[in-house]
Structures are given as C-alpha cells and as structure tokens.
Amino acid sequence: MTKEERAELDFLENLLKKQKEEEQKGVLSREERIRPLAEIFPKIVLASQSPRRVELIQLLGITPEVYPSHANEERKEEDPQLLTQRLAFRKAEEVRKHFDENTLILAADTVVFDGKTILGKPKGEEDAFRMLSSLSGRKHEVYTGVCLLYGEKKMGFCEKTTVQLLRLSEQEIREYIASGDPMDKAGAYGIQGIFARFVKGIEGDYYNVMGLPVSRLYQSLKLFCKEIGKN
C-alpha cells in the first residue's frame, strides 16, 4: 500500500468513526427540517450514469445534472465498507474538477458481499452465472458508499442491507442472464426488476440494494447543510 493509499484509508476510517459518533448523539434527528434541497444547492451533480440512482435522488425533490465519473475503480480492499467509501470519494473528486466550488457533487458505489468475496458488476455471462450461483439460497450483504463534496467540505457514509435469496436452479439463472438485466448491476441482479421473484426477504434499506440509500442520504444532507452553514 502506497503512502497516498494509506492516507486515504486513514481518512475514510476516521470519517466513518465520526459519523457513527454523530448518529449516536442524535445529530441526524428526523424531526429537524431544512429548506428544499434544490433551493440550498442550485446546482447538484450526480457522478454516475446509473438511471436507478437518478430516479432515487429525484425522490428527494432533486433533479441532478448527470456527469459520469471516469475515475479508477480498481478494487483492492477486502472490507466492502471501506472499499465503497474509497471509490465513492474517488468518483466525486474526479468529477469535482469539472465544476465550480458552488456545486454539490454526489457520488456512490455499490457492491455485493457474499461473506468471502466482493462482487461488483459481472464481466460477462459466465461471471454473472458464477455470482448468482454463489448467492443462490443464501444471505448476502449489499454495501453502498456515498460521498458528498461541496467546495473543500466533504462527507461520506456507508449503508448495509442484508438480502436473502431463494434457491435458484441453473435454468432459472440462465434464463435471467439471457434477459440482459444483470449485466450492469453489482452482484449480477436488480432487486427492483424481474429478479424480485427470487428475493425471500431483506433486512435494511430496500433502496440501498438499488444503489442509493434514500433515507440515509436525506439525513446526511441535512447534517451536511449544518456543517457548511446552509441550513
């Protein structure tokens, strides 16, 4: 690990620790209210080309400008929480250089963790088959790391959801792959589509599995507004 990577990892670990402490103190109280987000941040950029994330952020009354990141998404860590945070920050930093300091940049990264291996998007049909076979009939975890950047201010968090799948036959897996649905999704499935028939249950935020934990994001945006003096 290089000196720069070590510094980045230390920053993320301290950030996650700080966030947990603030949540325990009740900083993210649901009773607090802020002005409409679109009024506070006239320009909001989503560093992603995911149509699902665009739909989810619109649930907050935000219509973001979409500017996909081309940051290096090399995956090294075995810890999915730190990995998704690192990649979300990297995406946001890469996109920020294209906008002025009065722009709010939002980036996210989602992975599936089967208990041993971090699963991103499949590289092909056989990779998708391997992923779905490993998840069949078992519980797994979905992690989404989120980063907010505004000027020199930054905030990040990671949300975890546990998903239980039914046991899938080889034919069911092959038919699902043939639909083309899994190829652009972490873990090779989309909970909101035709794959829903195979989901036995979830523990946590449903939208997190889609790629953006809406409720947690809303609470974090309120806290972020406080920190930058825009509440």
Protein backbone atom coordinates (compact mmCIF):
# COMPACT_ATOMS: atom_id res chain seq x y z
CA MET A 1 0.00 0.00 0.00
CA THR A 2 1.42 3.38 -1.01
CA LYS A 3 1.68 6.38 1.31
CA GLU A 4 -1.20 8.08 -0.54
CA GLU A 5 -3.41 4.99 -0.29
CA ARG A 6 -2.65 4.67 3.44
CA ALA A 7 -3.60 8.32 3.99
CA GLU A 8 -6.83 7.82 2.03
CA LEU A 9 -7.68 4.73 4.09
CA ASP A 10 -6.97 6.52 7.39
CA PHE A 11 -9.19 9.40 6.31
CA LEU A 12 -12.09 7.07 5.50
CA GLU A 13 -11.76 5.16 8.76
CA ASN A 14 -11.81 8.40 10.76
CA LEU A 15 -14.76 9.66 8.73
CA LEU A 16 -16.82 6.53 9.42
CA LYS A 17 -15.96 6.72 13.12
CA LYS A 18 -17.02 10.37 13.29
CA GLN A 19 -20.29 9.64 11.50
CA LYS A 20 -21.20 6.85 13.93
CA GLU A 21 -20.47 9.12 16.91
CA GLU A 22 -22.67 11.89 15.49
CA GLU A 23 -25.53 9.48 14.84
CA GLN A 24 -25.33 8.17 18.41
CA LYS A 25 -25.58 11.75 19.67
CA GLY A 26 -28.76 12.22 17.67
CA VAL A 27 -27.31 14.74 15.23
CA LEU A 28 -29.38 13.18 12.44
CA SER A 29 -32.71 13.73 14.21
CA ARG A 30 -35.65 13.06 11.90
CA GLU A 31 -37.54 15.94 13.50
CA GLU A 32 -35.16 18.52 12.03
CA ARG A 33 -36.21 20.31 8.86
CA ILE A 34 -34.25 22.16 6.23
CA ARG A 35 -35.17 24.26 3.24
CA PRO A 36 -35.80 22.41 -0.03
CA LEU A 37 -32.51 20.90 -1.16
CA ALA A 38 -32.87 22.33 -4.65
CA GLU A 39 -33.04 25.80 -3.07
CA ILE A 40 -29.98 25.25 -0.88
CA PHE A 41 -27.91 23.74 -3.69
CA PRO A 42 -28.94 25.31 -7.03
CA LYS A 43 -26.52 23.01 -8.84
CA ILE A 44 -26.32 19.34 -7.84
CA VAL A 45 -24.26 16.90 -9.88
CA LEU A 46 -24.61 13.13 -9.70
CA ALA A 47 -21.29 11.47 -10.54
CA SER A 48 -22.97 8.42 -12.03
CA GLN A 49 -24.69 7.33 -15.21
CA SER A 50 -26.93 4.87 -13.35
CA PRO A 51 -30.58 5.54 -14.27
CA ARG A 52 -31.59 3.93 -10.97
CA ARG A 53 -29.60 6.45 -8.93
CA VAL A 54 -31.11 9.31 -10.92
CA GLU A 55 -34.61 8.02 -10.10
CA LEU A 56 -33.77 7.57 -6.43
CA ILE A 57 -32.24 11.01 -5.91
CA GLN A 58 -35.34 12.52 -7.52
CA LEU A 59 -37.31 11.12 -4.56
CA LEU A 60 -35.63 13.89 -2.53
CA GLY A 61 -37.04 16.57 -4.82
CA ILE A 62 -33.73 16.88 -6.66
CA THR A 63 -33.18 16.76 -10.39
CA PRO A 64 -29.41 16.41 -10.69
CA GLU A 65 -27.12 17.05 -13.58
CA VAL A 66 -25.61 13.72 -14.59
CA TYR A 67 -21.84 13.69 -15.10
CA PRO A 68 -20.38 10.16 -15.07
CA SER A 69 -17.05 9.69 -13.37
CA HIS A 70 -14.12 8.10 -15.16
CA ALA A 71 -12.09 7.56 -12.01
CA ASN A 72 -10.02 4.43 -11.50
CA GLU A 73 -12.31 1.86 -9.84
CA GLU A 74 -9.63 -0.69 -9.01
CA ARG A 75 -10.82 -2.80 -6.08
CA LYS A 76 -8.20 -3.77 -3.50
CA GLU A 77 -9.71 -3.85 -0.02
CA GLU A 78 -11.33 -6.94 1.43
CA ASP A 79 -13.54 -4.68 3.56
CA PRO A 80 -16.60 -3.73 1.46
CA GLN A 81 -17.42 -0.76 3.70
CA LEU A 82 -14.05 0.90 3.17
CA LEU A 83 -13.96 -0.08 -0.49
CA THR A 84 -17.27 1.54 -1.38
CA GLN A 85 -16.36 4.67 0.58
CA ARG A 86 -12.99 4.94 -1.15
CA LEU A 87 -14.45 4.54 -4.62
CA ALA A 88 -17.30 6.98 -3.94
CA PHE A 89 -14.80 9.63 -2.82
CA ARG A 90 -12.59 8.92 -5.80
CA LYS A 91 -15.51 9.35 -8.21
CA ALA A 92 -16.59 12.60 -6.56
CA GLU A 93 -13.08 14.05 -6.58
CA GLU A 94 -12.65 13.21 -10.27
CA VAL A 95 -15.92 14.92 -11.24
CA ARG A 96 -15.43 17.95 -8.98
CA LYS A 97 -12.61 19.34 -11.14
CA HIS A 98 -15.13 19.97 -13.93
CA PHE A 99 -17.36 22.27 -11.83
CA ASP A 100 -17.05 25.37 -9.66
CA GLU A 101 -16.94 25.31 -5.86
CA ASN A 102 -20.65 26.16 -5.52
CA THR A 103 -21.65 22.79 -6.95
CA LEU A 104 -22.70 19.89 -4.73
CA ILE A 105 -21.17 16.66 -6.02
CA LEU A 106 -22.80 13.36 -5.07
CA ALA A 107 -21.15 10.02 -5.85
CA ALA A 108 -21.86 6.44 -4.82
CA ASP A 109 -20.52 2.93 -5.23
CA THR A 110 -22.37 -0.33 -4.56
CA VAL A 111 -21.03 -3.85 -4.10
CA VAL A 112 -22.40 -7.20 -3.01
CA PHE A 113 -20.53 -9.24 -0.39
CA ASP A 114 -21.18 -12.97 -0.11
CA GLY A 115 -19.20 -13.34 3.10
CA LYS A 116 -15.92 -14.08 1.36
CA THR A 117 -15.82 -12.21 -1.92
CA ILE A 118 -16.76 -8.70 -3.02
CA LEU A 119 -18.94 -8.83 -6.12
CA GLY A 120 -19.11 -5.87 -8.46
CA LYS A 121 -20.67 -5.83 -11.92
CA PRO A 122 -20.21 -9.06 -13.90
CA LYS A 123 -17.62 -9.05 -16.68
CA GLY A 124 -19.70 -11.39 -18.82
CA GLU A 125 -22.43 -14.01 -18.77
CA GLU A 126 -20.31 -16.71 -17.16
CA ASP A 127 -19.17 -14.28 -14.49
CA ALA A 128 -22.83 -13.42 -13.83
CA PHE A 129 -23.63 -17.14 -13.59
CA ARG A 130 -20.82 -17.62 -11.07
CA MET A 131 -22.05 -14.72 -8.94
CA LEU A 132 -25.70 -15.77 -8.92
CA SER A 133 -24.77 -19.37 -8.17
CA SER A 134 -22.76 -18.24 -5.14
CA LEU A 135 -25.70 -16.14 -3.86
CA SER A 136 -28.42 -18.74 -4.51
CA GLY A 137 -30.27 -19.88 -1.38
CA ARG A 138 -28.14 -17.74 0.94
CA LYS A 139 -27.98 -14.42 2.70
CA HIS A 140 -25.59 -11.78 1.45
CA GLU A 141 -24.87 -8.12 2.14
CA VAL A 142 -25.16 -5.11 -0.12
CA TYR A 143 -22.98 -2.08 0.68
CA THR A 144 -23.36 1.38 -0.80
CA GLY A 145 -20.77 4.04 -0.06
CA VAL A 146 -21.84 7.65 -0.63
CA CYS A 147 -19.76 10.83 -0.87
CA LEU A 148 -20.88 14.47 -0.74
CA LEU A 149 -18.49 17.23 -1.83
CA TYR A 150 -19.10 20.97 -1.71
CA GLY A 151 -16.06 23.21 -2.13
CA GLU A 152 -13.50 21.87 0.33
CA LYS A 153 -16.14 20.26 2.54
CA LYS A 154 -16.75 16.55 2.28
CA MET A 155 -18.90 13.93 3.97
CA GLY A 156 -19.32 10.21 3.46
CA PHE A 157 -21.11 7.18 4.81
CA CYS A 158 -21.76 3.54 4.03
CA GLU A 159 -25.10 1.72 4.30
CA LYS A 160 -25.52 -2.06 4.59
CA THR A 161 -28.57 -4.16 3.67
CA THR A 162 -28.85 -7.93 4.09
CA VAL A 163 -30.67 -9.85 1.35
CA GLN A 164 -31.91 -13.46 1.48
CA LEU A 165 -32.41 -15.25 -1.84
CA LEU A 166 -34.40 -18.35 -2.65
CA ARG A 167 -32.52 -21.27 -4.16
CA LEU A 168 -32.25 -20.79 -7.92
CA SER A 169 -31.99 -23.64 -10.41
CA GLU A 170 -29.39 -23.49 -13.18
CA GLN A 171 -32.20 -22.95 -15.68
CA GLU A 172 -33.59 -20.02 -13.69
CA ILE A 173 -30.16 -18.41 -13.53
CA ARG A 174 -29.54 -18.92 -17.25
CA GLU A 175 -32.94 -17.50 -18.19
CA TYR A 176 -32.38 -14.45 -16.01
CA ILE A 177 -28.96 -13.84 -17.54
CA ALA A 178 -30.46 -14.19 -21.03
CA SER A 179 -32.79 -11.27 -20.21
CA GLY A 180 -29.74 -8.99 -20.08
CA ASP A 181 -30.90 -7.49 -16.78
CA PRO A 182 -27.93 -8.46 -14.58
CA MET A 183 -25.06 -7.19 -16.69
CA ASP A 184 -24.85 -3.63 -15.32
CA LYS A 185 -25.58 -4.43 -11.68
CA ALA A 186 -23.41 -5.28 -8.68
CA GLY A 187 -23.84 -8.93 -7.78
CA ALA A 188 -25.46 -9.56 -11.18
CA TYR A 189 -29.03 -8.83 -10.16
CA GLY A 190 -31.52 -5.99 -9.79
CA ILE A 191 -33.92 -6.32 -6.86
CA GLN A 192 -36.44 -3.95 -8.47
CA GLY A 193 -36.84 -5.94 -11.70
CA ILE A 194 -37.82 -9.45 -12.72
CA PHE A 195 -35.30 -10.83 -10.23
CA ALA A 196 -37.68 -9.80 -7.42
CA ARG A 197 -39.34 -13.24 -7.63
CA PHE A 198 -36.18 -14.79 -6.17
CA VAL A 199 -35.86 -12.45 -3.17
CA LYS A 200 -37.05 -14.13 0.03
CA GLY A 201 -36.51 -11.11 2.27
CA ILE A 202 -34.32 -8.15 3.18
CA GLU A 203 -33.05 -6.53 6.38
CA GLY A 204 -32.41 -2.82 5.93
CA ASP A 205 -32.97 -0.21 3.25
CA TYR A 206 -34.53 -1.61 0.05
CA TYR A 207 -33.32 1.39 -1.96
CA ASN A 208 -29.77 0.72 -0.81
CA VAL A 209 -29.86 -2.51 -2.82
CA MET A 210 -30.89 -0.47 -5.86
CA GLY A 211 -27.82 1.73 -5.44
CA LEU A 212 -28.70 4.68 -3.17
CA PRO A 213 -30.00 4.61 0.44
CA VAL A 214 -32.56 7.41 0.12
CA SER A 215 -33.43 7.90 3.80
CA ARG A 216 -29.82 7.85 4.99
CA LEU A 217 -28.85 10.23 2.19
CA TYR A 218 -31.58 12.67 3.23
CA GLN A 219 -30.40 12.64 6.85
CA SER A 220 -26.79 13.11 5.78
CA LEU A 221 -27.69 16.02 3.51
CA LYS A 222 -29.35 17.75 6.47
CA LEU A 223 -26.24 17.26 8.57
CA PHE A 224 -24.03 18.40 5.69
CA CYS A 225 -26.08 21.59 5.37
CA LYS A 226 -25.37 22.31 9.05
CA GLU A 227 -21.66 21.76 8.63
CA ILE A 228 -21.35 24.13 5.68
CA GLY A 229 -23.70 26.71 7.18
CA LYS A 230 -26.55 26.32 4.71
CA ASN A 231 -29.34 25.02 6.96
